[in-house]
Amino acid sequence: KETVGRGDEIKDEIFIKQFRGVDPAKCKIALKESGGNIDAISGSTISTEAFCKALQRAIDLYNKEK
């Protein structure tokens, strides 16, 4: 169970900036604890992990359709 309201922080610049300039072909979009390069938001690991998985899945689907 996550801390109420912490999941809202995935919209904050401090979290989003981790994705800027990242080449998904060269790195895994995942939390560091899962072998990626993204820091989780403390108290919101479930939301940040779900965000990373959704983004990676979207990238994979996009690349498949190219």
C-alpha atoms as a PDB file:
ATOM      1  CA  LYS A   1       0.000   0.000   0.000  1.00  0.00           C
ATOM      2  CA  GLU A   2       1.321   3.424  -0.952  1.00  0.00           C
ATOM      3  CA  THR A   3       1.300   6.649   0.976  1.00  0.00           C
ATOM      4  CA  VAL A   4      -1.819   8.597   0.007  1.00  0.00           C
ATOM      5  CA  GLY A   5      -1.051  11.409  -2.439  1.00  0.00           C
ATOM      6  CA  ARG A   6       2.525  10.336  -3.152  1.00  0.00           C
ATOM      7  CA  GLY A   7       1.618   8.858  -6.546  1.00  0.00           C
ATOM      8  CA  ASP A   8       0.708  12.370  -7.669  1.00  0.00           C
ATOM      9  CA  GLU A   9       4.418  13.176  -7.678  1.00  0.00           C
ATOM     10  CA  ILE A  10       4.920  11.300 -10.960  1.00  0.00           C
ATOM     11  CA  LYS A  11       3.717  14.541 -12.593  1.00  0.00           C
ATOM     12  CA  ASP A  12       6.433  16.587 -10.883  1.00  0.00           C
ATOM     13  CA  GLU A  13       9.509  17.853 -12.726  1.00  0.00           C
ATOM     14  CA  ILE A  14      11.888  16.102 -10.344  1.00  0.00           C
ATOM     15  CA  PHE A  15      10.577  12.690 -11.507  1.00  0.00           C
ATOM     16  CA  ILE A  16       9.878  13.530 -15.163  1.00  0.00           C
ATOM     17  CA  LYS A  17      13.360  14.984 -15.799  1.00  0.00           C
ATOM     18  CA  GLN A  18      14.819  11.479 -15.419  1.00  0.00           C
ATOM     19  CA  PHE A  19      13.273  10.585 -18.789  1.00  0.00           C
ATOM     20  CA  ARG A  20      14.536  13.577 -20.782  1.00  0.00           C
ATOM     21  CA  GLY A  21      17.307  12.760 -23.211  1.00  0.00           C
ATOM     22  CA  VAL A  22      17.116   9.038 -22.486  1.00  0.00           C
ATOM     23  CA  ASP A  23      17.511   6.843 -25.545  1.00  0.00           C
ATOM     24  CA  PRO A  24      15.198   3.887 -24.881  1.00  0.00           C
ATOM     25  CA  ALA A  25      17.183   1.811 -27.383  1.00  0.00           C
ATOM     26  CA  LYS A  26      20.251   2.130 -25.159  1.00  0.00           C
ATOM     27  CA  CYS A  27      18.760   1.847 -21.693  1.00  0.00           C
ATOM     28  CA  LYS A  28      15.929   0.097 -19.934  1.00  0.00           C
ATOM     29  CA  ILE A  29      13.085   2.319 -18.762  1.00  0.00           C
ATOM     30  CA  ALA A  30      12.697   0.782 -15.319  1.00  0.00           C
ATOM     31  CA  LEU A  31      13.399   1.519 -11.691  1.00  0.00           C
ATOM     32  CA  LYS A  32      16.997   1.104 -10.570  1.00  0.00           C
ATOM     33  CA  GLU A  33      15.951  -1.740  -8.287  1.00  0.00           C
ATOM     34  CA  SER A  34      14.647  -3.536 -11.399  1.00  0.00           C
ATOM     35  CA  GLY A  35      17.800  -3.012 -13.449  1.00  0.00           C
ATOM     36  CA  GLY A  36      16.859   0.321 -14.995  1.00  0.00           C
ATOM     37  CA  ASN A  37      18.030   3.880 -14.497  1.00  0.00           C
ATOM     38  CA  ILE A  38      15.008   5.565 -12.887  1.00  0.00           C
ATOM     39  CA  ASP A  39      14.820   6.534  -9.206  1.00  0.00           C
ATOM     40  CA  ALA A  40      11.513   5.653  -7.551  1.00  0.00           C
ATOM     41  CA  ILE A  41       9.570   8.232  -5.597  1.00  0.00           C
ATOM     42  CA  SER A  42       9.841   7.319  -1.940  1.00  0.00           C
ATOM     43  CA  GLY A  43       6.487   6.065  -0.705  1.00  0.00           C
ATOM     44  CA  SER A  44       5.243   5.673  -4.281  1.00  0.00           C
ATOM     45  CA  THR A  45       7.181   2.735  -5.635  1.00  0.00           C
ATOM     46  CA  ILE A  46       4.105   1.022  -7.063  1.00  0.00           C
ATOM     47  CA  SER A  47       3.036   4.090  -9.068  1.00  0.00           C
ATOM     48  CA  THR A  48       6.530   4.858 -10.342  1.00  0.00           C
ATOM     49  CA  GLU A  49       7.112   1.245 -11.323  1.00  0.00           C
ATOM     50  CA  ALA A  50       3.760   1.128 -13.148  1.00  0.00           C
ATOM     51  CA  PHE A  51       4.630   4.366 -14.965  1.00  0.00           C
ATOM     52  CA  CYS A  52       7.984   2.972 -16.100  1.00  0.00           C
ATOM     53  CA  LYS A  53       6.455  -0.312 -17.247  1.00  0.00           C
ATOM     54  CA  ALA A  54       3.719   1.493 -19.194  1.00  0.00           C
ATOM     55  CA  LEU A  55       6.236   3.808 -20.848  1.00  0.00           C
ATOM     56  CA  GLN A  56       8.547   0.926 -21.787  1.00  0.00           C
ATOM     57  CA  ARG A  57       5.612  -1.033 -23.183  1.00  0.00           C
ATOM     58  CA  ALA A  58       4.513   1.960 -25.281  1.00  0.00           C
ATOM     59  CA  ILE A  59       8.064   2.356 -26.626  1.00  0.00           C
ATOM     60  CA  ASP A  60       8.248  -1.354 -27.446  1.00  0.00           C
ATOM     61  CA  LEU A  61       4.904  -1.258 -29.273  1.00  0.00           C
ATOM     62  CA  TYR A  62       5.924   1.866 -31.185  1.00  0.00           C
ATOM     63  CA  ASN A  63       9.209   0.279 -32.268  1.00  0.00           C
ATOM     64  CA  LYS A  64       7.403  -2.897 -33.321  1.00  0.00           C
ATOM     65  CA  GLU A  65       5.126  -0.899 -35.636  1.00  0.00           C
ATOM     66  CA  LYS A  66       7.969   1.063 -37.280  1.00  0.00           C
END
